[in-house]
Amino acid sequence: MTVKPRLRVLAGADIALGPGKVALLDAIEEHGTLVGAAQVLEMSYMRAWKLVQTMNVCFREPLVETSRGGTARGKAALTPTGRAVRDLYRAMEGACLQAVRPLWDEMRAYLDGEP
């Protein structure tokens, strides 16, 4: 058994950043295209595009830069801000896990067995 905090950064009613969007940022960095990132995450291109648009609007600077397709194929890349925000999010996840560890250890005593 394990505990896994799921952080969400809210900008009004929008989720500016959360586990799914950070996974998308990772996939964009790995694959270099929005199509490739969407495929590996098993989501539609349109869904990935909308998530990128939301992130880019919610932050002062865009997190992802895209170039249109055509014969050269479309490309997508994290901006320096995108990398910094993603890394900060991962650090926040780690800090949350450390913060809840003592309480988690206490809660495990109440759970029905460890696999």
Protein backbone atom coordinates (compact mmCIF):
# COMPACT_ATOMS: atom_id res chain seq x y z
CA MET A 1 0.00 0.00 0.00
CA THR A 2 1.13 3.50 -0.70
CA VAL A 3 -0.02 7.09 -0.54
CA LYS A 4 0.24 9.37 -3.54
CA PRO A 5 -0.64 13.07 -3.21
CA ARG A 6 -2.25 14.57 -6.32
CA LEU A 7 -1.60 18.29 -6.49
CA ARG A 8 -3.55 20.64 -8.68
CA VAL A 9 -2.63 24.25 -9.36
CA LEU A 10 -5.84 26.20 -9.92
CA ALA A 11 -6.18 29.42 -11.87
CA GLY A 12 -9.77 30.43 -11.18
CA ALA A 13 -11.94 27.61 -12.48
CA ASP A 14 -9.14 26.18 -14.63
CA ILE A 15 -6.69 23.50 -13.57
CA ALA A 16 -3.46 25.19 -14.63
CA LEU A 17 -1.33 22.20 -13.72
CA GLY A 18 -1.89 18.73 -12.33
CA PRO A 19 -0.61 15.18 -12.73
CA GLY A 20 -2.05 14.72 -16.22
CA LYS A 21 -0.73 18.00 -17.55
CA VAL A 22 2.72 17.32 -16.10
CA ALA A 23 2.66 13.89 -17.78
CA LEU A 24 1.81 15.68 -21.03
CA LEU A 25 4.76 18.06 -20.55
CA ASP A 26 7.04 15.06 -20.01
CA ALA A 27 5.70 13.34 -23.14
CA ILE A 28 6.09 16.50 -25.24
CA GLU A 29 9.70 16.80 -24.13
CA GLU A 30 10.35 13.14 -24.89
CA HIS A 31 8.62 12.97 -28.29
CA GLY A 32 8.99 16.51 -29.64
CA THR A 33 5.48 16.57 -31.09
CA LEU A 34 2.01 17.00 -29.70
CA VAL A 35 0.80 14.07 -31.80
CA GLY A 36 3.48 11.77 -30.36
CA ALA A 37 2.80 12.93 -26.82
CA ALA A 38 -0.94 12.42 -27.24
CA GLN A 39 -0.44 8.94 -28.68
CA VAL A 40 1.81 7.75 -25.86
CA LEU A 41 -0.68 9.08 -23.29
CA GLU A 42 -3.60 7.51 -25.20
CA MET A 43 -5.47 10.79 -25.66
CA SER A 44 -6.68 12.56 -28.74
CA TYR A 45 -4.58 15.24 -30.37
CA MET A 46 -7.42 17.72 -29.74
CA ARG A 47 -7.44 16.91 -26.01
CA ALA A 48 -3.67 17.38 -25.80
CA TRP A 49 -3.93 20.65 -27.74
CA LYS A 50 -6.61 21.97 -25.38
CA LEU A 51 -4.55 21.02 -22.31
CA VAL A 52 -1.54 22.87 -23.74
CA GLN A 53 -3.70 25.91 -24.51
CA THR A 54 -5.02 25.95 -20.94
CA MET A 55 -1.51 25.73 -19.49
CA ASN A 56 -0.19 28.44 -21.79
CA VAL A 57 -3.02 30.81 -20.87
CA CYS A 58 -2.76 30.21 -17.12
CA PHE A 59 0.93 31.08 -16.82
CA ARG A 60 2.63 34.40 -17.49
CA GLU A 61 4.74 32.81 -20.19
CA PRO A 62 3.89 29.81 -22.38
CA LEU A 63 5.00 26.40 -21.13
CA VAL A 64 4.92 24.83 -24.60
CA GLU A 65 5.82 26.24 -28.01
CA THR A 66 4.36 24.60 -31.09
CA SER A 67 5.00 24.94 -34.79
CA ARG A 68 2.50 24.02 -37.44
CA GLY A 69 2.66 20.85 -39.45
CA GLY A 70 2.89 20.60 -43.21
CA THR A 71 5.76 18.98 -45.04
CA ALA A 72 8.12 19.71 -42.12
CA ARG A 73 5.71 18.11 -39.61
CA GLY A 74 4.54 19.92 -36.52
CA LYS A 75 6.80 20.23 -33.54
CA ALA A 76 6.26 20.96 -29.85
CA ALA A 77 8.81 21.79 -27.18
CA LEU A 78 8.86 22.90 -23.60
CA THR A 79 9.98 26.45 -23.05
CA PRO A 80 12.47 27.21 -20.28
CA THR A 81 9.43 28.30 -18.23
CA GLY A 82 7.74 24.99 -19.02
CA ARG A 83 10.74 23.03 -17.75
CA ALA A 84 11.00 25.18 -14.61
CA VAL A 85 7.28 24.86 -13.82
CA ARG A 86 7.36 21.10 -14.40
CA ASP A 87 10.41 20.69 -12.16
CA LEU A 88 8.83 22.85 -9.44
CA TYR A 89 5.67 20.73 -9.61
CA ARG A 90 7.73 17.55 -9.15
CA ALA A 91 9.51 19.16 -6.19
CA MET A 92 6.14 20.09 -4.68
CA GLU A 93 5.01 16.47 -5.07
CA GLY A 94 8.10 15.29 -3.23
CA ALA A 95 7.60 17.85 -0.46
CA CYS A 96 3.97 16.78 -0.03
CA LEU A 97 4.97 13.15 0.23
CA GLN A 98 7.57 13.99 2.88
CA ALA A 99 5.03 16.10 4.79
CA VAL A 100 2.43 13.32 4.96
CA ARG A 101 4.87 10.47 5.62
CA PRO A 102 4.49 10.50 9.46
CA LEU A 103 0.69 10.59 9.18
CA TRP A 104 0.79 7.89 6.51
CA ASP A 105 2.87 5.66 8.76
CA GLU A 106 0.24 6.13 11.47
CA MET A 107 -2.66 5.46 9.06
CA ARG A 108 -1.12 2.23 7.77
CA ALA A 109 -1.73 0.70 11.18
CA TYR A 110 -5.47 0.99 10.47
CA LEU A 111 -5.35 -0.51 6.99
CA ASP A 112 -6.25 -4.13 6.37
CA GLY A 113 -2.85 -5.69 5.74
CA GLU A 114 0.06 -4.96 3.46
CA PRO A 115 0.28 -6.76 0.11
